[in-house]
Amino acid sequence: MLINYADETLYKISSCGYSIADIAWIGTREFTIPIDEFFETARATEYNNGYGGIAIPKDIVIVMRDDSWFERREYDGSEWWTHCYGYSKPKIRLHLKKKNFEYYGYDDPTLEKFCIDYA
């Protein structure tokens, strides 16, 4: 099923009782990216979250101010967010270089493939 990545993300966050204001940071275990850049890029991304290839970077985490976080899960190409607890913020910050999260490579997408220089 084709869905908008920002809508999927906001739905999952709100279904767990959070809003964008509750987000502390977004990134991976190695680096962060600006929250506004994430949502701008996610709004431009339509993808099929059903079975098949992985379409969204699988290492993205959205960490909330209460130190819980949302991470991507995948099974046989089907993708979704899962809510988890306890995370520490990396010291490196990157910026997104692409205008959407669409990825058509043969390997699994990681967030770093969508980023540029340290800031």
C-alpha atoms as a PDB file:
ATOM      1  CA  MET A   1       0.000   0.000   0.000  1.00  0.00           C
ATOM      2  CA  LEU A   2       1.412   3.404  -0.990  1.00  0.00           C
ATOM      3  CA  ILE A   3       1.622   5.755   2.015  1.00  0.00           C
ATOM      4  CA  ASN A   4       3.220   9.075   2.888  1.00  0.00           C
ATOM      5  CA  TYR A   5       6.207   8.632   5.207  1.00  0.00           C
ATOM      6  CA  ALA A   6       5.494  11.811   7.239  1.00  0.00           C
ATOM      7  CA  ASP A   7       1.838  10.818   7.723  1.00  0.00           C
ATOM      8  CA  GLU A   8       2.851   7.311   8.838  1.00  0.00           C
ATOM      9  CA  THR A   9       5.416   8.741  11.262  1.00  0.00           C
ATOM     10  CA  LEU A  10       3.061  11.343  12.754  1.00  0.00           C
ATOM     11  CA  TYR A  11       0.294   8.760  13.114  1.00  0.00           C
ATOM     12  CA  LYS A  12       2.584   6.370  15.031  1.00  0.00           C
ATOM     13  CA  ILE A  13       3.921   9.139  17.274  1.00  0.00           C
ATOM     14  CA  SER A  14       0.438  10.452  18.076  1.00  0.00           C
ATOM     15  CA  SER A  15      -0.976   6.949  18.647  1.00  0.00           C
ATOM     16  CA  CYS A  16       1.585   6.598  21.449  1.00  0.00           C
ATOM     17  CA  GLY A  17       0.549   9.929  23.005  1.00  0.00           C
ATOM     18  CA  TYR A  18       3.298  12.173  21.574  1.00  0.00           C
ATOM     19  CA  SER A  19       3.495  15.160  19.221  1.00  0.00           C
ATOM     20  CA  ILE A  20       6.327  16.713  17.204  1.00  0.00           C
ATOM     21  CA  ALA A  21       6.992  18.994  20.196  1.00  0.00           C
ATOM     22  CA  ASP A  22       7.923  15.883  22.218  1.00  0.00           C
ATOM     23  CA  ILE A  23      10.765  14.919  19.842  1.00  0.00           C
ATOM     24  CA  ALA A  24      14.235  15.483  21.312  1.00  0.00           C
ATOM     25  CA  TRP A  25      16.186  14.455  18.201  1.00  0.00           C
ATOM     26  CA  ILE A  26      16.155  12.310  15.046  1.00  0.00           C
ATOM     27  CA  GLY A  27      19.057  10.335  13.562  1.00  0.00           C
ATOM     28  CA  THR A  28      20.876   7.037  14.085  1.00  0.00           C
ATOM     29  CA  ARG A  29      23.155   5.614  16.772  1.00  0.00           C
ATOM     30  CA  GLU A  30      26.045   7.521  15.124  1.00  0.00           C
ATOM     31  CA  PHE A  31      24.615  10.957  14.210  1.00  0.00           C
ATOM     32  CA  THR A  32      21.600  13.280  14.333  1.00  0.00           C
ATOM     33  CA  ILE A  33      19.801  15.252  11.619  1.00  0.00           C
ATOM     34  CA  PRO A  34      17.635  18.379  12.019  1.00  0.00           C
ATOM     35  CA  ILE A  35      14.016  17.527  12.881  1.00  0.00           C
ATOM     36  CA  ASP A  36      12.611  19.989  10.327  1.00  0.00           C
ATOM     37  CA  GLU A  37      14.778  18.491   7.556  1.00  0.00           C
ATOM     38  CA  PHE A  38      13.517  15.017   8.432  1.00  0.00           C
ATOM     39  CA  PHE A  39       9.841  15.995   8.202  1.00  0.00           C
ATOM     40  CA  GLU A  40      10.340  18.080   5.045  1.00  0.00           C
ATOM     41  CA  THR A  41      11.985  15.091   3.364  1.00  0.00           C
ATOM     42  CA  ALA A  42       9.442  12.630   4.785  1.00  0.00           C
ATOM     43  CA  ARG A  43       6.544  14.755   3.447  1.00  0.00           C
ATOM     44  CA  ALA A  44       8.006  14.352  -0.050  1.00  0.00           C
ATOM     45  CA  THR A  45       8.236  10.552   0.317  1.00  0.00           C
ATOM     46  CA  GLU A  46       5.504   8.147  -0.792  1.00  0.00           C
ATOM     47  CA  TYR A  47       6.432   4.486  -0.426  1.00  0.00           C
ATOM     48  CA  ASN A  48       4.953   1.006  -0.360  1.00  0.00           C
ATOM     49  CA  ASN A  49       5.146  -0.261   3.235  1.00  0.00           C
ATOM     50  CA  GLY A  50       3.989  -3.751   2.227  1.00  0.00           C
ATOM     51  CA  TYR A  51       6.075  -6.787   1.383  1.00  0.00           C
ATOM     52  CA  GLY A  52       8.939  -6.438  -1.097  1.00  0.00           C
ATOM     53  CA  GLY A  53      12.145  -4.427  -0.869  1.00  0.00           C
ATOM     54  CA  ILE A  54      12.993  -2.081   2.004  1.00  0.00           C
ATOM     55  CA  ALA A  55      12.209   1.485   0.910  1.00  0.00           C
ATOM     56  CA  ILE A  56      12.982   3.632   3.987  1.00  0.00           C
ATOM     57  CA  PRO A  57      16.354   3.904   5.780  1.00  0.00           C
ATOM     58  CA  LYS A  58      16.160   1.166   8.388  1.00  0.00           C
ATOM     59  CA  ASP A  59      18.465   2.784  10.963  1.00  0.00           C
ATOM     60  CA  ILE A  60      16.441   5.974  11.611  1.00  0.00           C
ATOM     61  CA  VAL A  61      15.408   6.590  15.216  1.00  0.00           C
ATOM     62  CA  ILE A  62      13.133   9.303  16.579  1.00  0.00           C
ATOM     63  CA  VAL A  63      14.023   9.943  20.221  1.00  0.00           C
ATOM     64  CA  MET A  64      11.493  11.599  22.490  1.00  0.00           C
ATOM     65  CA  ARG A  65      12.175  13.967  25.403  1.00  0.00           C
ATOM     66  CA  ASP A  66      11.344  11.157  27.859  1.00  0.00           C
ATOM     67  CA  ASP A  67      14.216   9.063  26.307  1.00  0.00           C
ATOM     68  CA  SER A  68      11.852   6.606  24.656  1.00  0.00           C
ATOM     69  CA  TRP A  69      12.310   6.231  20.917  1.00  0.00           C
ATOM     70  CA  PHE A  70      10.755   4.991  17.704  1.00  0.00           C
ATOM     71  CA  GLU A  71      12.807   2.743  15.448  1.00  0.00           C
ATOM     72  CA  ARG A  72      12.154   1.105  12.101  1.00  0.00           C
ATOM     73  CA  ARG A  73      11.345  -2.580  11.945  1.00  0.00           C
ATOM     74  CA  GLU A  74      11.096  -4.762   8.878  1.00  0.00           C
ATOM     75  CA  TYR A  75       9.991  -8.259   7.981  1.00  0.00           C
ATOM     76  CA  ASP A  76      10.352  -9.509   4.412  1.00  0.00           C
ATOM     77  CA  GLY A  77      10.198  -5.916   3.143  1.00  0.00           C
ATOM     78  CA  SER A  78       7.147  -4.902   5.194  1.00  0.00           C
ATOM     79  CA  GLU A  79       8.112  -1.813   7.255  1.00  0.00           C
ATOM     80  CA  TRP A  80       6.787  -0.018  10.367  1.00  0.00           C
ATOM     81  CA  TRP A  81       7.749   2.039  13.462  1.00  0.00           C
ATOM     82  CA  THR A  82       8.130   0.446  16.907  1.00  0.00           C
ATOM     83  CA  HIS A  83       8.119   2.370  20.206  1.00  0.00           C
ATOM     84  CA  CYS A  84      11.019   1.490  22.569  1.00  0.00           C
ATOM     85  CA  TYR A  85      12.567   2.889  25.771  1.00  0.00           C
ATOM     86  CA  GLY A  86      16.000   4.364  26.754  1.00  0.00           C
ATOM     87  CA  TYR A  87      18.505   5.937  24.292  1.00  0.00           C
ATOM     88  CA  SER A  88      21.562   8.210  24.353  1.00  0.00           C
ATOM     89  CA  LYS A  89      22.251  10.963  21.798  1.00  0.00           C
ATOM     90  CA  PRO A  90      25.263  10.766  19.437  1.00  0.00           C
ATOM     91  CA  LYS A  91      27.629  13.759  19.225  1.00  0.00           C
ATOM     92  CA  ILE A  92      27.790  13.962  15.399  1.00  0.00           C
ATOM     93  CA  ARG A  93      25.175  15.958  13.423  1.00  0.00           C
ATOM     94  CA  LEU A  94      24.597  15.552   9.663  1.00  0.00           C
ATOM     95  CA  HIS A  95      22.236  17.216   7.167  1.00  0.00           C
ATOM     96  CA  LEU A  96      20.003  15.593   4.584  1.00  0.00           C
ATOM     97  CA  LYS A  97      21.078  15.958   0.944  1.00  0.00           C
ATOM     98  CA  LYS A  98      18.060  14.356  -0.725  1.00  0.00           C
ATOM     99  CA  LYS A  99      14.536  15.727  -1.084  1.00  0.00           C
ATOM    100  CA  ASN A 100      12.823  12.403  -0.255  1.00  0.00           C
ATOM    101  CA  PHE A 101      13.629   9.048   1.313  1.00  0.00           C
ATOM    102  CA  GLU A 102      13.097   6.994  -1.839  1.00  0.00           C
ATOM    103  CA  TYR A 103      15.860   4.433  -2.315  1.00  0.00           C
ATOM    104  CA  TYR A 104      16.137   1.869  -5.077  1.00  0.00           C
ATOM    105  CA  GLY A 105      19.533   0.304  -4.382  1.00  0.00           C
ATOM    106  CA  TYR A 106      20.232  -3.388  -4.028  1.00  0.00           C
ATOM    107  CA  ASP A 107      21.452  -3.111  -0.444  1.00  0.00           C
ATOM    108  CA  ASP A 108      19.378  -2.030   2.561  1.00  0.00           C
ATOM    109  CA  PRO A 109      19.058   1.771   2.826  1.00  0.00           C
ATOM    110  CA  THR A 110      20.685   3.503   5.785  1.00  0.00           C
ATOM    111  CA  LEU A 111      20.094   7.116   6.792  1.00  0.00           C
ATOM    112  CA  GLU A 112      23.745   8.033   6.136  1.00  0.00           C
ATOM    113  CA  LYS A 113      23.180   7.430   2.380  1.00  0.00           C
ATOM    114  CA  PHE A 114      20.788  10.409   2.452  1.00  0.00           C
ATOM    115  CA  CYS A 115      23.121  12.785   4.352  1.00  0.00           C
ATOM    116  CA  ILE A 116      25.958  15.225   3.714  1.00  0.00           C
ATOM    117  CA  ASP A 117      28.670  16.954   5.772  1.00  0.00           C
ATOM    118  CA  TYR A 118      28.954  17.304   9.521  1.00  0.00           C
ATOM    119  CA  ALA A 119      27.486  20.400  11.148  1.00  0.00           C
END
